[in-house]
Amino acid sequence: MFEFTWSRQNPETGELEFGLAPEDFEAVRQGYGCATCLADFHGIYHLRCPVCGETRPQPQLVVRQWWTSRSIV
């Protein structure tokens, strides 16, 4: 599990906000950890967190043409 460097409760939403060390933040950003429960996937990429079930939003942002179109040389 990743450990946060600071945390606070957002006064408007009531949600917990936290900061991670740069290397932990990068691991979460790349899909090797969960941004919701801070579970560390130990180098394994998951689309859905096996601990809390949170689904990563990034796969929906991939443009279909990036992986379906053929290279033109």
PDB file of N, CA and C in Angstrom:
ATOM      1  N   MET A   1       0.848  -1.172   0.000  1.00  0.00           N
ATOM      2  CA  MET A   1       0.000   0.000   0.000  1.00  0.00           C
ATOM      3  C   MET A   1       0.895   1.236   0.000  1.00  0.00           C
ATOM      4  N   PHE A   2       0.526   2.217  -0.825  1.00  0.00           N
ATOM      5  CA  PHE A   2       1.255   3.478  -0.861  1.00  0.00           C
ATOM      6  C   PHE A   2       0.892   4.290   0.378  1.00  0.00           C
ATOM      7  N   GLU A   3       1.844   5.085   0.847  1.00  0.00           N
ATOM      8  CA  GLU A   3       1.588   5.958   1.986  1.00  0.00           C
ATOM      9  C   GLU A   3       1.581   7.401   1.492  1.00  0.00           C
ATOM     10  N   PHE A   4       0.589   8.158   1.930  1.00  0.00           N
ATOM     11  CA  PHE A   4       0.499   9.544   1.485  1.00  0.00           C
ATOM     12  C   PHE A   4       1.404  10.427   2.327  1.00  0.00           C
ATOM     13  N   THR A   5       1.880  11.530   1.718  1.00  0.00           N
ATOM     14  CA  THR A   5       2.778  12.456   2.402  1.00  0.00           C
ATOM     15  C   THR A   5       2.007  13.524   3.166  1.00  0.00           C
ATOM     16  N   TRP A   6       0.780  13.806   2.765  1.00  0.00           N
ATOM     17  CA  TRP A   6      -0.113  14.711   3.480  1.00  0.00           C
ATOM     18  C   TRP A   6      -1.540  14.339   3.132  1.00  0.00           C
ATOM     19  N   SER A   7      -2.486  14.761   3.960  1.00  0.00           N
ATOM     20  CA  SER A   7      -3.899  14.523   3.664  1.00  0.00           C
ATOM     21  C   SER A   7      -4.744  15.606   4.313  1.00  0.00           C
ATOM     22  N   ARG A   8      -5.933  15.793   3.768  1.00  0.00           N
ATOM     23  CA  ARG A   8      -6.898  16.722   4.349  1.00  0.00           C
ATOM     24  C   ARG A   8      -8.282  16.329   3.842  1.00  0.00           C
ATOM     25  N   GLN A   9      -9.294  16.777   4.539  1.00  0.00           N
ATOM     26  CA  GLN A   9     -10.662  16.555   4.096  1.00  0.00           C
ATOM     27  C   GLN A   9     -11.125  17.806   3.376  1.00  0.00           C
ATOM     28  N   ASN A  10     -11.596  17.643   2.136  1.00  0.00           N
ATOM     29  CA  ASN A  10     -12.077  18.771   1.348  1.00  0.00           C
ATOM     30  C   ASN A  10     -13.317  19.347   2.032  1.00  0.00           C
ATOM     31  N   PRO A  11     -13.294  20.638   2.392  1.00  0.00           N
ATOM     32  CA  PRO A  11     -14.433  21.215   3.104  1.00  0.00           C
ATOM     33  C   PRO A  11     -15.713  21.311   2.259  1.00  0.00           C
ATOM     34  N   GLU A  12     -15.571  21.325   0.929  1.00  0.00           N
ATOM     35  CA  GLU A  12     -16.735  21.436   0.066  1.00  0.00           C
ATOM     36  C   GLU A  12     -17.371  20.091  -0.244  1.00  0.00           C
ATOM     37  N   THR A  13     -16.537  19.061  -0.485  1.00  0.00           N
ATOM     38  CA  THR A  13     -17.071  17.755  -0.884  1.00  0.00           C
ATOM     39  C   THR A  13     -17.036  16.723   0.230  1.00  0.00           C
ATOM     40  N   GLY A  14     -16.193  16.948   1.241  1.00  0.00           N
ATOM     41  CA  GLY A  14     -16.044  15.981   2.316  1.00  0.00           C
ATOM     42  C   GLY A  14     -15.131  14.817   1.968  1.00  0.00           C
ATOM     43  N   GLU A  15     -14.620  14.790   0.737  1.00  0.00           N
ATOM     44  CA  GLU A  15     -13.740  13.704   0.312  1.00  0.00           C
ATOM     45  C   GLU A  15     -12.330  13.915   0.852  1.00  0.00           C
ATOM     46  N   LEU A  16     -11.622  12.804   1.079  1.00  0.00           N
ATOM     47  CA  LEU A  16     -10.245  12.857   1.526  1.00  0.00           C
ATOM     48  C   LEU A  16      -9.341  13.159   0.334  1.00  0.00           C
ATOM     49  N   GLU A  17      -8.480  14.145   0.496  1.00  0.00           N
ATOM     50  CA  GLU A  17      -7.491  14.476  -0.518  1.00  0.00           C
ATOM     51  C   GLU A  17      -6.127  14.180   0.077  1.00  0.00           C
ATOM     52  N   PHE A  18      -5.192  13.718  -0.733  1.00  0.00           N
ATOM     53  CA  PHE A  18      -3.877  13.356  -0.223  1.00  0.00           C
ATOM     54  C   PHE A  18      -2.831  13.557  -1.293  1.00  0.00           C
ATOM     55  N   GLY A  19      -1.577  13.634  -0.869  1.00  0.00           N
ATOM     56  CA  GLY A  19      -0.443  13.742  -1.774  1.00  0.00           C
ATOM     57  C   GLY A  19       0.451  12.529  -1.619  1.00  0.00           C
ATOM     58  N   LEU A  20       1.034  12.104  -2.725  1.00  0.00           N
ATOM     59  CA  LEU A  20       1.932  10.948  -2.723  1.00  0.00           C
ATOM     60  C   LEU A  20       3.345  11.388  -3.075  1.00  0.00           C
ATOM     61  N   ALA A  21       4.312  10.581  -2.698  1.00  0.00           N
ATOM     62  CA  ALA A  21       5.688  10.802  -3.138  1.00  0.00           C
ATOM     63  C   ALA A  21       5.715  10.700  -4.662  1.00  0.00           C
ATOM     64  N   PRO A  22       6.617  11.403  -5.328  1.00  0.00           N
ATOM     65  CA  PRO A  22       6.635  11.401  -6.799  1.00  0.00           C
ATOM     66  C   PRO A  22       6.655  10.011  -7.433  1.00  0.00           C
ATOM     67  N   GLU A  23       7.448   9.084  -6.899  1.00  0.00           N
ATOM     68  CA  GLU A  23       7.512   7.746  -7.499  1.00  0.00           C
ATOM     69  C   GLU A  23       6.210   6.973  -7.277  1.00  0.00           C
ATOM     70  N   ASP A  24       5.547   7.186  -6.139  1.00  0.00           N
ATOM     71  CA  ASP A  24       4.263   6.528  -5.891  1.00  0.00           C
ATOM     72  C   ASP A  24       3.174   7.116  -6.782  1.00  0.00           C
ATOM     73  N   PHE A  25       3.180   8.442  -6.943  1.00  0.00           N
ATOM     74  CA  PHE A  25       2.217   9.100  -7.820  1.00  0.00           C
ATOM     75  C   PHE A  25       2.340   8.571  -9.245  1.00  0.00           C
ATOM     76  N   GLU A  26       3.574   8.436  -9.711  1.00  0.00           N
ATOM     77  CA  GLU A  26       3.812   7.951 -11.073  1.00  0.00           C
ATOM     78  C   GLU A  26       3.337   6.510 -11.232  1.00  0.00           C
ATOM     79  N   ALA A  27       3.535   5.681 -10.208  1.00  0.00           N
ATOM     80  CA  ALA A  27       3.059   4.293 -10.257  1.00  0.00           C
ATOM     81  C   ALA A  27       1.535   4.248 -10.358  1.00  0.00           C
ATOM     82  N   VAL A  28       0.850   5.083  -9.593  1.00  0.00           N
ATOM     83  CA  VAL A  28      -0.620   5.136  -9.661  1.00  0.00           C
ATOM     84  C   VAL A  28      -1.055   5.667 -11.026  1.00  0.00           C
ATOM     85  N   ARG A  29      -0.400   6.714 -11.504  1.00  0.00           N
ATOM     86  CA  ARG A  29      -0.754   7.306 -12.799  1.00  0.00           C
ATOM     87  C   ARG A  29      -0.626   6.301 -13.929  1.00  0.00           C
ATOM     88  N   GLN A  30       0.379   5.432 -13.855  1.00  0.00           N
ATOM     89  CA  GLN A  30       0.616   4.457 -14.912  1.00  0.00           C
ATOM     90  C   GLN A  30      -0.194   3.173 -14.748  1.00  0.00           C
ATOM     91  N   GLY A  31      -0.988   3.069 -13.679  1.00  0.00           N
ATOM     92  CA  GLY A  31      -1.852   1.906 -13.507  1.00  0.00           C
ATOM     93  C   GLY A  31      -1.284   0.808 -12.638  1.00  0.00           C
ATOM     94  N   TYR A  32      -0.204   1.087 -11.928  1.00  0.00           N
ATOM     95  CA  TYR A  32       0.400   0.079 -11.062  1.00  0.00           C
ATOM     96  C   TYR A  32      -0.012   0.250  -9.607  1.00  0.00           C
ATOM     97  N   GLY A  33      -1.050   1.037  -9.376  1.00  0.00           N
ATOM     98  CA  GLY A  33      -1.599   1.255  -8.044  1.00  0.00           C
ATOM     99  C   GLY A  33      -2.955   1.912  -8.155  1.00  0.00           C
ATOM    100  N   CYS A  34      -3.717   1.885  -7.075  1.00  0.00           N
ATOM    101  CA  CYS A  34      -5.078   2.437  -7.069  1.00  0.00           C
ATOM    102  C   CYS A  34      -5.081   3.821  -6.431  1.00  0.00           C
ATOM    103  N   ALA A  35      -5.677   4.790  -7.104  1.00  0.00           N
ATOM    104  CA  ALA A  35      -5.764   6.152  -6.582  1.00  0.00           C
ATOM    105  C   ALA A  35      -6.852   6.282  -5.529  1.00  0.00           C
ATOM    106  N   THR A  36      -7.739   5.320  -5.426  1.00  0.00           N
ATOM    107  CA  THR A  36      -8.822   5.400  -4.451  1.00  0.00           C
ATOM    108  C   THR A  36      -8.422   4.818  -3.099  1.00  0.00           C
ATOM    109  N   CYS A  37      -7.912   3.592  -3.089  1.00  0.00           N
ATOM    110  CA  CYS A  37      -7.571   2.930  -1.822  1.00  0.00           C
ATOM    111  C   CYS A  37      -6.068   2.846  -1.580  1.00  0.00           C
ATOM    112  N   LEU A  38      -5.250   3.336  -2.532  1.00  0.00           N
ATOM    113  CA  LEU A  38      -3.787   3.352  -2.464  1.00  0.00           C
ATOM    114  C   LEU A  38      -3.164   1.963  -2.448  1.00  0.00           C
ATOM    115  N   ALA A  39      -3.853   0.986  -3.001  1.00  0.00           N
ATOM    116  CA  ALA A  39      -3.287  -0.362  -3.100  1.00  0.00           C
ATOM    117  C   ALA A  39      -2.131  -0.355  -4.098  1.00  0.00           C
ATOM    118  N   ASP A  40      -1.055  -1.013  -3.748  1.00  0.00           N
ATOM    119  CA  ASP A  40       0.114  -1.149  -4.613  1.00  0.00           C
ATOM    120  C   ASP A  40      -0.008  -2.477  -5.349  1.00  0.00           C
ATOM    121  N   PHE A  41       0.015  -2.446  -6.689  1.00  0.00           N
ATOM    122  CA  PHE A  41      -0.135  -3.666  -7.489  1.00  0.00           C
ATOM    123  C   PHE A  41       1.212  -4.337  -7.758  1.00  0.00           C
ATOM    124  N   HIS A  42       2.289  -3.823  -7.181  1.00  0.00           N
ATOM    125  CA  HIS A  42       3.626  -4.416  -7.264  1.00  0.00           C
ATOM    126  C   HIS A  42       4.064  -4.687  -8.707  1.00  0.00           C
ATOM    127  N   GLY A  43       3.902  -3.667  -9.556  1.00  0.00           N
ATOM    128  CA  GLY A  43       4.381  -3.760 -10.928  1.00  0.00           C
ATOM    129  C   GLY A  43       3.431  -4.426 -11.903  1.00  0.00           C
ATOM    130  N   ILE A  44       2.234  -4.778 -11.475  1.00  0.00           N
ATOM    131  CA  ILE A  44       1.247  -5.416 -12.359  1.00  0.00           C
ATOM    132  C   ILE A  44       0.165  -4.394 -12.686  1.00  0.00           C
ATOM    133  N   TYR A  45      -0.120  -4.195 -13.977  1.00  0.00           N
ATOM    134  CA  TYR A  45      -1.140  -3.253 -14.404  1.00  0.00           C
ATOM    135  C   TYR A  45      -2.522  -3.886 -14.266  1.00  0.00           C
ATOM    136  N   HIS A  46      -3.445  -3.156 -13.656  1.00  0.00           N
ATOM    137  CA  HIS A  46      -4.833  -3.618 -13.519  1.00  0.00           C
ATOM    138  C   HIS A  46      -5.778  -2.542 -14.043  1.00  0.00           C
ATOM    139  N   LEU A  47      -6.804  -2.955 -14.791  1.00  0.00           N
ATOM    140  CA  LEU A  47      -7.853  -2.017 -15.200  1.00  0.00           C
ATOM    141  C   LEU A  47      -8.821  -1.762 -14.050  1.00  0.00           C
ATOM    142  N   ARG A  48      -8.997  -2.769 -13.185  1.00  0.00           N
ATOM    143  CA  ARG A  48      -9.877  -2.642 -12.022  1.00  0.00           C
ATOM    144  C   ARG A  48      -9.090  -3.049 -10.787  1.00  0.00           C
ATOM    145  N   CYS A  49      -9.207  -2.251  -9.742  1.00  0.00           N
ATOM    146  CA  CYS A  49      -8.477  -2.535  -8.510  1.00  0.00           C
ATOM    147  C   CYS A  49      -9.009  -3.813  -7.871  1.00  0.00           C
ATOM    148  N   PRO A  50      -8.124  -4.784  -7.577  1.00  0.00           N
ATOM    149  CA  PRO A  50      -8.575  -6.024  -6.947  1.00  0.00           C
ATOM    150  C   PRO A  50      -8.961  -5.841  -5.484  1.00  0.00           C
ATOM    151  N   VAL A  51      -8.614  -4.703  -4.881  1.00  0.00           N
ATOM    152  CA  VAL A  51      -8.926  -4.462  -3.473  1.00  0.00           C
ATOM    153  C   VAL A  51     -10.281  -3.777  -3.313  1.00  0.00           C
ATOM    154  N   CYS A  52     -10.482  -2.640  -4.006  1.00  0.00           N
ATOM    155  CA  CYS A  52     -11.718  -1.869  -3.807  1.00  0.00           C
ATOM    156  C   CYS A  52     -12.657  -1.893  -5.014  1.00  0.00           C
ATOM    157  N   GLY A  53     -12.202  -2.405  -6.166  1.00  0.00           N
ATOM    158  CA  GLY A  53     -13.056  -2.507  -7.346  1.00  0.00           C
ATOM    159  C   GLY A  53     -13.114  -1.263  -8.208  1.00  0.00           C
ATOM    160  N   GLU A  54     -12.365  -0.224  -7.865  1.00  0.00           N
ATOM    161  CA  GLU A  54     -12.357   1.011  -8.652  1.00  0.00           C
ATOM    162  C   GLU A  54     -11.843   0.734 -10.063  1.00  0.00           C
ATOM    163  N   THR A  55     -12.521   1.282 -11.075  1.00  0.00           N
ATOM    164  CA  THR A  55     -12.128   1.122 -12.466  1.00  0.00           C
ATOM    165  C   THR A  55     -11.321   2.329 -12.905  1.00  0.00           C
ATOM    166  N   ARG A  56     -10.209   2.082 -13.592  1.00  0.00           N
ATOM    167  CA  ARG A  56      -9.368   3.181 -14.071  1.00  0.00           C
ATOM    168  C   ARG A  56     -10.055   3.908 -15.220  1.00  0.00           C
ATOM    169  N   PRO A  57     -10.023   5.232 -15.239  1.00  0.00           N
ATOM    170  CA  PRO A  57     -10.675   5.985 -16.319  1.00  0.00           C
ATOM    171  C   PRO A  57      -9.866   6.040 -17.600  1.00  0.00           C
ATOM    172  N   GLN A  58      -8.561   5.821 -17.566  1.00  0.00           N
ATOM    173  CA  GLN A  58      -7.714   6.017 -18.733  1.00  0.00           C
ATOM    174  C   GLN A  58      -8.088   5.180 -19.942  1.00  0.00           C
ATOM    175  N   PRO A  59      -8.489   3.905 -19.819  1.00  0.00           N
ATOM    176  CA  PRO A  59      -8.794   3.141 -21.035  1.00  0.00           C
ATOM    177  C   PRO A  59      -9.892   3.774 -21.888  1.00  0.00           C
ATOM    178  N   GLN A  60     -10.824   4.473 -21.269  1.00  0.00           N
ATOM    179  CA  GLN A  60     -11.886   5.117 -22.024  1.00  0.00           C
ATOM    180  C   GLN A  60     -11.378   6.332 -22.799  1.00  0.00           C
ATOM    181  N   LEU A  61     -10.201   6.847 -22.444  1.00  0.00           N
ATOM    182  CA  LEU A  61      -9.664   8.023 -23.115  1.00  0.00           C
ATOM    183  C   LEU A  61      -8.869   7.678 -24.365  1.00  0.00           C
ATOM    184  N   VAL A  62      -8.604   6.406 -24.596  1.00  0.00           N
ATOM    185  CA  VAL A  62      -7.833   5.993 -25.768  1.00  0.00           C
ATOM    186  C   VAL A  62      -8.688   6.161 -27.022  1.00  0.00           C
ATOM    187  N   VAL A  63      -8.146   6.869 -27.981  1.00  0.00           N
ATOM    188  CA  VAL A  63      -8.872   7.102 -29.233  1.00  0.00           C
ATOM    189  C   VAL A  63      -8.799   5.839 -30.081  1.00  0.00           C
ATOM    190  N   ARG A  64      -9.936   5.364 -30.548  1.00  0.00           N
ATOM    191  CA  ARG A  64     -10.014   4.104 -31.276  1.00  0.00           C
ATOM    192  C   ARG A  64      -9.077   4.066 -32.477  1.00  0.00           C
ATOM    193  N   GLN A  65      -8.922   5.183 -33.174  1.00  0.00           N
ATOM    194  CA  GLN A  65      -8.085   5.226 -34.372  1.00  0.00           C
ATOM    195  C   GLN A  65      -6.619   4.954 -34.058  1.00  0.00           C
ATOM    196  N   TRP A  66      -6.185   5.181 -32.829  1.00  0.00           N
ATOM    197  CA  TRP A  66      -4.787   4.977 -32.487  1.00  0.00           C
ATOM    198  C   TRP A  66      -4.398   3.519 -32.593  1.00  0.00           C
ATOM    199  N   TRP A  67      -5.310   2.607 -32.345  1.00  0.00           N
ATOM    200  CA  TRP A  67      -4.943   1.193 -32.383  1.00  0.00           C
ATOM    201  C   TRP A  67      -5.643   0.413 -33.476  1.00  0.00           C
ATOM    202  N   THR A  68      -6.488   1.062 -34.284  1.00  0.00           N
ATOM    203  CA  THR A  68      -7.150   0.355 -35.373  1.00  0.00           C
ATOM    204  C   THR A  68      -6.623   0.768 -36.750  1.00  0.00           C
ATOM    205  N   SER A  69      -6.050   1.968 -36.842  1.00  0.00           N
ATOM    206  CA  SER A  69      -5.583   2.389 -38.165  1.00  0.00           C
ATOM    207  C   SER A  69      -4.227   1.781 -38.488  1.00  0.00           C
ATOM    208  N   ARG A  70      -3.968   1.630 -39.753  1.00  0.00           N
ATOM    209  CA  ARG A  70      -2.693   1.048 -40.191  1.00  0.00           C
ATOM    210  C   ARG A  70      -1.652   2.139 -40.353  1.00  0.00           C
ATOM    211  N   SER A  71      -0.405   1.771 -40.153  1.00  0.00           N
ATOM    212  CA  SER A  71       0.683   2.710 -40.341  1.00  0.00           C
ATOM    213  C   SER A  71       0.841   3.024 -41.818  1.00  0.00           C
ATOM    214  N   ILE A  72       1.105   4.266 -42.124  1.00  0.00           N
ATOM    215  CA  ILE A  72       1.346   4.672 -43.507  1.00  0.00           C
ATOM    216  C   ILE A  72       2.806   5.081 -43.610  1.00  0.00           C
ATOM    217  N   VAL A  73       3.550   4.414 -44.487  1.00  0.00           N
ATOM    218  CA  VAL A  73       4.975   4.698 -44.635  1.00  0.00           C
ATOM    219  C   VAL A  73       5.210   5.374 -45.954  1.00  0.00           C
TER     220      VAL A  73
END
